Each structure stands twice: as C-alpha cells, then as structure tokens.
Amino acid sequence: MMTNSSKLYRVLAIIAASAVMMAAGCGDDDGGGSSSPEGKCNALAKKICGRVWNCDGDYSSVGACEADAKAGINCRNAVDVDSSYDQCMSDVGKLTCPWSLPSSCFGVILTK
C-alpha cells in the first residue's frame, strides 16, 4: 500500500525538473519572495498540501506536509518555473481525495 508521504515524494519527482544552469544565469536570490522561483515553488508546495495533506492520514498537519514537499521539490534550488505554472496552480486548487498530480504540473519547477 502506498502511503501519502511516498505518493507525495513520487509526485515531487515529477514536479521538479533538473536544469543545468551557469552561475551567471541563476537569477536573483531574494529570499524566496512570491515572485521568485523559490517563492513560487513554496507556494506550489503549500497549495498542494493545503488540498491533500490529510487524504491518507500520513501527516499530522499541513505544515508537516509542506516541509516534506518543499524539501522534495528542492525549492531552495529553484531557478525558474515553466510556462504552465499558472495553470498548474489553478489545477492544484481543484484537487480532492484521492488525488493525482495534474499534468500541467509535470516539470513545472526547474532546479539547479
């Protein structure tokens, strides 16, 4: 039986896409504001967990889910988001239990 946390990690692997970036092209480091790639990544993790954290009962809180999601997507190393980010956020807002990741979210967060 797949637990919520193992499903979350499988989904996070789909969301995050590795990007080879040159140091000069890494963008600004503004601490993860909502318009930065890190901020957008954090917002996505928060939105996913806000919708599904208690689907299988593996998390005691939405905060515990968010911490796992941010680490799993590797938000601290986010360097860009795909053009489907806004659609992904909209689609995530419609998630219900049982859930699966919307295709608009595949590879939406690019990390270094």
N, C-alpha and C. Protein backbone atom coordinates (compact mmCIF):
# COMPACT_ATOMS: atom_id res chain seq x y z
N MET A 1 0.84 -1.18 0.00
CA MET A 1 0.00 0.00 0.00
C MET A 1 0.88 1.24 0.00
N MET A 2 0.61 2.16 -0.88
CA MET A 2 1.39 3.39 -0.96
C MET A 2 0.88 4.38 0.07
N THR A 3 1.78 4.90 0.89
CA THR A 3 1.38 5.89 1.87
C THR A 3 1.33 7.27 1.22
N ASN A 4 0.67 8.20 1.90
CA ASN A 4 0.57 9.56 1.40
C ASN A 4 1.95 10.15 1.21
N SER A 5 2.88 9.93 2.16
CA SER A 5 4.21 10.52 2.04
C SER A 5 4.98 9.91 0.87
N SER A 6 4.84 8.61 0.62
CA SER A 6 5.55 8.03 -0.52
C SER A 6 4.93 8.51 -1.83
N LYS A 7 3.62 8.70 -1.85
CA LYS A 7 2.98 9.25 -3.05
C LYS A 7 3.44 10.68 -3.26
N LEU A 8 3.52 11.45 -2.17
CA LEU A 8 3.96 12.84 -2.28
C LEU A 8 5.36 12.90 -2.87
N TYR A 9 6.28 12.06 -2.41
CA TYR A 9 7.65 12.08 -2.95
C TYR A 9 7.68 11.68 -4.41
N ARG A 10 6.85 10.73 -4.82
CA ARG A 10 6.80 10.34 -6.23
C ARG A 10 6.29 11.52 -7.08
N VAL A 11 5.30 12.21 -6.57
CA VAL A 11 4.75 13.36 -7.26
C VAL A 11 5.78 14.49 -7.33
N LEU A 12 6.53 14.69 -6.26
CA LEU A 12 7.53 15.75 -6.23
C LEU A 12 8.62 15.51 -7.27
N ALA A 13 8.94 14.26 -7.49
CA ALA A 13 9.95 13.94 -8.50
C ALA A 13 9.45 14.34 -9.89
N ILE A 14 8.16 14.25 -10.10
CA ILE A 14 7.58 14.65 -11.38
C ILE A 14 7.59 16.17 -11.51
N ILE A 15 7.27 16.88 -10.42
CA ILE A 15 7.20 18.34 -10.45
C ILE A 15 8.57 18.94 -10.74
N ALA A 16 9.57 18.49 -10.02
CA ALA A 16 10.90 19.08 -10.15
C ALA A 16 11.60 18.55 -11.39
N ALA A 17 12.18 19.43 -12.14
CA ALA A 17 12.97 19.07 -13.31
C ALA A 17 14.34 19.70 -13.16
N SER A 18 15.37 18.90 -13.26
CA SER A 18 16.71 19.46 -13.11
C SER A 18 17.05 20.35 -14.29
N ALA A 19 17.66 21.45 -13.99
CA ALA A 19 18.11 22.38 -15.03
C ALA A 19 19.58 22.65 -14.80
N VAL A 20 20.37 22.50 -15.82
CA VAL A 20 21.79 22.82 -15.72
C VAL A 20 21.90 24.32 -16.00
N MET A 21 22.29 25.05 -14.99
CA MET A 21 22.37 26.50 -15.11
C MET A 21 23.80 26.96 -14.86
N MET A 22 24.25 27.91 -15.62
CA MET A 22 25.55 28.51 -15.38
C MET A 22 25.39 29.48 -14.22
N ALA A 23 26.42 29.66 -13.44
CA ALA A 23 26.35 30.52 -12.25
C ALA A 23 25.83 31.90 -12.59
N ALA A 24 26.20 32.45 -13.71
CA ALA A 24 25.74 33.78 -14.08
C ALA A 24 24.27 33.81 -14.41
N GLY A 25 23.69 32.67 -14.71
CA GLY A 25 22.30 32.63 -15.10
C GLY A 25 21.35 32.17 -14.03
N CYS A 26 21.80 32.13 -12.79
CA CYS A 26 20.95 31.60 -11.72
C CYS A 26 19.90 32.57 -11.24
N GLY A 27 19.95 33.82 -11.64
CA GLY A 27 18.91 34.75 -11.23
C GLY A 27 19.19 35.34 -9.87
N ASP A 28 18.20 36.09 -9.38
CA ASP A 28 18.37 36.77 -8.10
C ASP A 28 18.12 35.84 -6.95
N ASP A 29 18.61 36.22 -5.79
CA ASP A 29 18.41 35.47 -4.56
C ASP A 29 17.73 36.41 -3.59
N ASP A 30 16.43 36.52 -3.72
CA ASP A 30 15.71 37.48 -2.89
C ASP A 30 15.04 36.85 -1.69
N GLY A 31 15.49 35.65 -1.32
CA GLY A 31 14.96 35.01 -0.13
C GLY A 31 13.63 34.30 -0.33
N GLY A 32 13.23 34.10 -1.56
CA GLY A 32 12.04 33.30 -1.79
C GLY A 32 10.75 34.08 -1.82
N GLY A 33 10.77 35.33 -2.20
CA GLY A 33 9.54 36.09 -2.34
C GLY A 33 8.61 35.43 -3.33
N SER A 34 7.35 35.79 -3.29
CA SER A 34 6.35 35.07 -4.08
C SER A 34 6.58 35.15 -5.58
N SER A 35 7.32 36.16 -6.06
CA SER A 35 7.56 36.24 -7.50
C SER A 35 8.86 35.55 -7.91
N SER A 36 9.67 35.16 -6.96
CA SER A 36 10.91 34.45 -7.27
C SER A 36 10.59 32.97 -7.54
N PRO A 37 11.48 32.26 -8.23
CA PRO A 37 11.25 30.83 -8.44
C PRO A 37 11.10 30.06 -7.11
N GLU A 38 11.91 30.40 -6.11
CA GLU A 38 11.79 29.73 -4.81
C GLU A 38 10.44 30.03 -4.18
N GLY A 39 10.02 31.28 -4.27
CA GLY A 39 8.72 31.65 -3.71
C GLY A 39 7.57 30.95 -4.41
N LYS A 40 7.67 30.84 -5.73
CA LYS A 40 6.63 30.13 -6.48
C LYS A 40 6.63 28.65 -6.15
N CYS A 41 7.79 28.08 -5.96
CA CYS A 41 7.90 26.68 -5.56
C CYS A 41 7.25 26.47 -4.19
N ASN A 42 7.58 27.34 -3.25
CA ASN A 42 6.98 27.25 -1.92
C ASN A 42 5.46 27.39 -1.98
N ALA A 43 4.98 28.30 -2.83
CA ALA A 43 3.54 28.49 -2.98
C ALA A 43 2.87 27.24 -3.53
N LEU A 44 3.54 26.57 -4.47
CA LEU A 44 3.00 25.33 -5.04
C LEU A 44 2.94 24.24 -3.97
N ALA A 45 4.02 24.09 -3.20
CA ALA A 45 4.04 23.09 -2.13
C ALA A 45 2.91 23.36 -1.13
N LYS A 46 2.75 24.62 -0.76
CA LYS A 46 1.70 25.00 0.19
C LYS A 46 0.31 24.69 -0.38
N LYS A 47 0.11 24.98 -1.64
CA LYS A 47 -1.20 24.75 -2.25
C LYS A 47 -1.51 23.26 -2.36
N ILE A 48 -0.52 22.46 -2.78
CA ILE A 48 -0.73 21.01 -2.86
C ILE A 48 -1.11 20.46 -1.49
N CYS A 49 -0.32 20.81 -0.49
CA CYS A 49 -0.56 20.27 0.85
C CYS A 49 -1.84 20.80 1.46
N GLY A 50 -2.19 22.02 1.15
CA GLY A 50 -3.45 22.57 1.64
C GLY A 50 -4.66 21.78 1.14
N ARG A 51 -4.52 21.20 -0.02
CA ARG A 51 -5.61 20.42 -0.61
C ARG A 51 -5.60 18.95 -0.20
N VAL A 52 -4.42 18.34 -0.02
CA VAL A 52 -4.38 16.87 0.09
C VAL A 52 -3.65 16.32 1.32
N TRP A 53 -3.19 17.16 2.24
CA TRP A 53 -2.34 16.67 3.33
C TRP A 53 -2.98 15.56 4.14
N ASN A 54 -4.27 15.56 4.28
CA ASN A 54 -4.91 14.55 5.13
C ASN A 54 -5.62 13.46 4.34
N CYS A 55 -5.35 13.32 3.06
CA CYS A 55 -6.03 12.30 2.25
C CYS A 55 -5.82 10.89 2.78
N ASP A 56 -4.62 10.54 3.15
CA ASP A 56 -4.33 9.19 3.64
C ASP A 56 -3.93 9.16 5.11
N GLY A 57 -3.91 10.30 5.76
CA GLY A 57 -3.63 10.34 7.18
C GLY A 57 -2.17 10.21 7.58
N ASP A 58 -1.23 10.35 6.64
CA ASP A 58 0.18 10.19 6.97
C ASP A 58 0.78 11.43 7.62
N TYR A 59 0.16 12.58 7.48
CA TYR A 59 0.69 13.81 8.04
C TYR A 59 -0.19 14.28 9.18
N SER A 60 0.45 14.77 10.24
CA SER A 60 -0.29 15.27 11.39
C SER A 60 -0.78 16.69 11.17
N SER A 61 -0.20 17.37 10.18
CA SER A 61 -0.59 18.75 9.91
C SER A 61 -0.22 19.12 8.48
N VAL A 62 -0.83 20.20 8.01
CA VAL A 62 -0.48 20.71 6.69
C VAL A 62 0.97 21.20 6.69
N GLY A 63 1.44 21.72 7.82
CA GLY A 63 2.83 22.19 7.92
C GLY A 63 3.84 21.07 7.73
N ALA A 64 3.55 19.90 8.26
CA ALA A 64 4.46 18.75 8.09
C ALA A 64 4.51 18.34 6.62
N CYS A 65 3.37 18.36 5.97
CA CYS A 65 3.32 18.05 4.54
C CYS A 65 4.12 19.08 3.75
N GLU A 66 3.92 20.38 4.06
CA GLU A 66 4.63 21.44 3.36
C GLU A 66 6.14 21.31 3.50
N ALA A 67 6.62 20.98 4.69
CA ALA A 67 8.06 20.82 4.90
C ALA A 67 8.61 19.71 4.01
N ASP A 68 7.90 18.58 3.94
CA ASP A 68 8.32 17.47 3.08
C ASP A 68 8.27 17.88 1.61
N ALA A 69 7.21 18.58 1.23
CA ALA A 69 7.04 18.97 -0.17
C ALA A 69 8.14 19.93 -0.60
N LYS A 70 8.42 20.94 0.22
CA LYS A 70 9.45 21.93 -0.13
C LYS A 70 10.81 21.27 -0.26
N ALA A 71 11.10 20.32 0.63
CA ALA A 71 12.38 19.60 0.55
C ALA A 71 12.39 18.67 -0.66
N GLY A 72 11.29 17.99 -0.91
CA GLY A 72 11.21 17.05 -2.02
C GLY A 72 11.31 17.72 -3.38
N ILE A 73 10.70 18.89 -3.53
CA ILE A 73 10.79 19.61 -4.79
C ILE A 73 12.14 20.31 -4.90
N ASN A 74 12.78 20.54 -3.75
CA ASN A 74 14.07 21.24 -3.69
C ASN A 74 13.88 22.73 -3.99
N CYS A 75 12.90 23.33 -3.30
CA CYS A 75 12.55 24.73 -3.55
C CYS A 75 13.73 25.68 -3.35
N ARG A 76 14.62 25.38 -2.43
CA ARG A 76 15.76 26.28 -2.19
C ARG A 76 16.65 26.42 -3.42
N ASN A 77 16.61 25.43 -4.30
CA ASN A 77 17.41 25.46 -5.52
C ASN A 77 16.60 25.73 -6.78
N ALA A 78 15.38 26.23 -6.61
CA ALA A 78 14.55 26.56 -7.77
C ALA A 78 15.16 27.75 -8.50
N VAL A 79 15.27 27.63 -9.81
CA VAL A 79 15.85 28.71 -10.62
C VAL A 79 14.87 29.29 -11.62
N ASP A 80 13.78 28.59 -11.88
CA ASP A 80 12.79 29.09 -12.83
C ASP A 80 11.54 28.23 -12.70
N VAL A 81 10.46 28.69 -13.31
CA VAL A 81 9.25 27.89 -13.41
C VAL A 81 8.86 27.80 -14.88
N ASP A 82 8.20 26.73 -15.23
CA ASP A 82 7.74 26.51 -16.60
C ASP A 82 6.55 27.41 -16.90
N SER A 83 6.27 27.62 -18.16
CA SER A 83 5.15 28.47 -18.57
C SER A 83 3.80 27.92 -18.12
N SER A 84 3.74 26.66 -17.72
CA SER A 84 2.48 26.05 -17.27
C SER A 84 2.24 26.26 -15.77
N TYR A 85 3.10 27.05 -15.10
CA TYR A 85 2.98 27.24 -13.65
C TYR A 85 1.59 27.75 -13.24
N ASP A 86 1.09 28.79 -13.90
CA ASP A 86 -0.22 29.35 -13.51
C ASP A 86 -1.34 28.32 -13.69
N GLN A 87 -1.27 27.55 -14.77
CA GLN A 87 -2.28 26.50 -14.99
C GLN A 87 -2.15 25.42 -13.92
N CYS A 88 -0.92 25.06 -13.58
CA CYS A 88 -0.68 24.07 -12.53
C CYS A 88 -1.32 24.53 -11.22
N MET A 89 -1.07 25.79 -10.84
CA MET A 89 -1.63 26.32 -9.59
C MET A 89 -3.16 26.28 -9.62
N SER A 90 -3.74 26.60 -10.75
CA SER A 90 -5.20 26.55 -10.88
C SER A 90 -5.70 25.12 -10.74
N ASP A 91 -5.03 24.19 -11.41
CA ASP A 91 -5.44 22.79 -11.37
C ASP A 91 -5.27 22.19 -9.97
N VAL A 92 -4.21 22.54 -9.28
CA VAL A 92 -3.99 22.05 -7.92
C VAL A 92 -5.11 22.53 -7.00
N GLY A 93 -5.62 23.72 -7.25
CA GLY A 93 -6.71 24.24 -6.45
C GLY A 93 -7.99 23.42 -6.54
N LYS A 94 -8.06 22.52 -7.49
CA LYS A 94 -9.24 21.67 -7.70
C LYS A 94 -9.04 20.24 -7.18
N LEU A 95 -7.88 19.93 -6.61
CA LEU A 95 -7.60 18.57 -6.15
C LEU A 95 -8.53 18.15 -5.03
N THR A 96 -8.93 16.89 -5.07
CA THR A 96 -9.70 16.27 -3.99
C THR A 96 -9.12 14.88 -3.75
N CYS A 97 -9.49 14.25 -2.67
CA CYS A 97 -9.03 12.90 -2.35
C CYS A 97 -9.90 11.88 -3.07
N PRO A 98 -9.36 10.78 -3.57
CA PRO A 98 -7.94 10.52 -3.81
C PRO A 98 -7.45 11.43 -4.93
N TRP A 99 -6.16 11.69 -4.94
CA TRP A 99 -5.64 12.70 -5.85
C TRP A 99 -4.49 12.18 -6.68
N SER A 100 -4.29 12.84 -7.79
CA SER A 100 -3.12 12.61 -8.62
C SER A 100 -2.69 13.97 -9.16
N LEU A 101 -1.44 14.08 -9.48
CA LEU A 101 -0.89 15.35 -9.93
C LEU A 101 -1.42 15.73 -11.30
N PRO A 102 -1.92 16.96 -11.44
CA PRO A 102 -2.36 17.40 -12.77
C PRO A 102 -1.18 17.42 -13.75
N SER A 103 -1.42 17.09 -15.00
CA SER A 103 -0.35 17.05 -15.99
C SER A 103 0.28 18.43 -16.20
N SER A 104 -0.46 19.49 -15.92
CA SER A 104 0.10 20.84 -16.06
C SER A 104 1.24 21.10 -15.08
N CYS A 105 1.38 20.25 -14.07
CA CYS A 105 2.43 20.43 -13.06
C CYS A 105 3.70 19.63 -13.35
N PHE A 106 3.67 18.76 -14.35
CA PHE A 106 4.84 17.96 -14.67
C PHE A 106 6.00 18.87 -15.09
N GLY A 107 7.10 18.79 -14.36
CA GLY A 107 8.31 19.56 -14.69
C GLY A 107 8.14 21.06 -14.54
N VAL A 108 7.20 21.51 -13.73
CA VAL A 108 6.89 22.94 -13.64
C VAL A 108 7.94 23.74 -12.86
N ILE A 109 8.67 23.10 -11.94
CA ILE A 109 9.72 23.77 -11.16
C ILE A 109 11.08 23.32 -11.68
N LEU A 110 11.90 24.26 -12.12
CA LEU A 110 13.24 23.95 -12.61
C LEU A 110 14.24 24.25 -11.51
N THR A 111 15.09 23.29 -11.21
CA THR A 111 16.07 23.44 -10.14
C THR A 111 17.48 23.31 -10.68
N LYS A 112 18.43 23.87 -9.92
CA LYS A 112 19.83 23.76 -10.35
C LYS A 112 20.46 22.54 -9.73
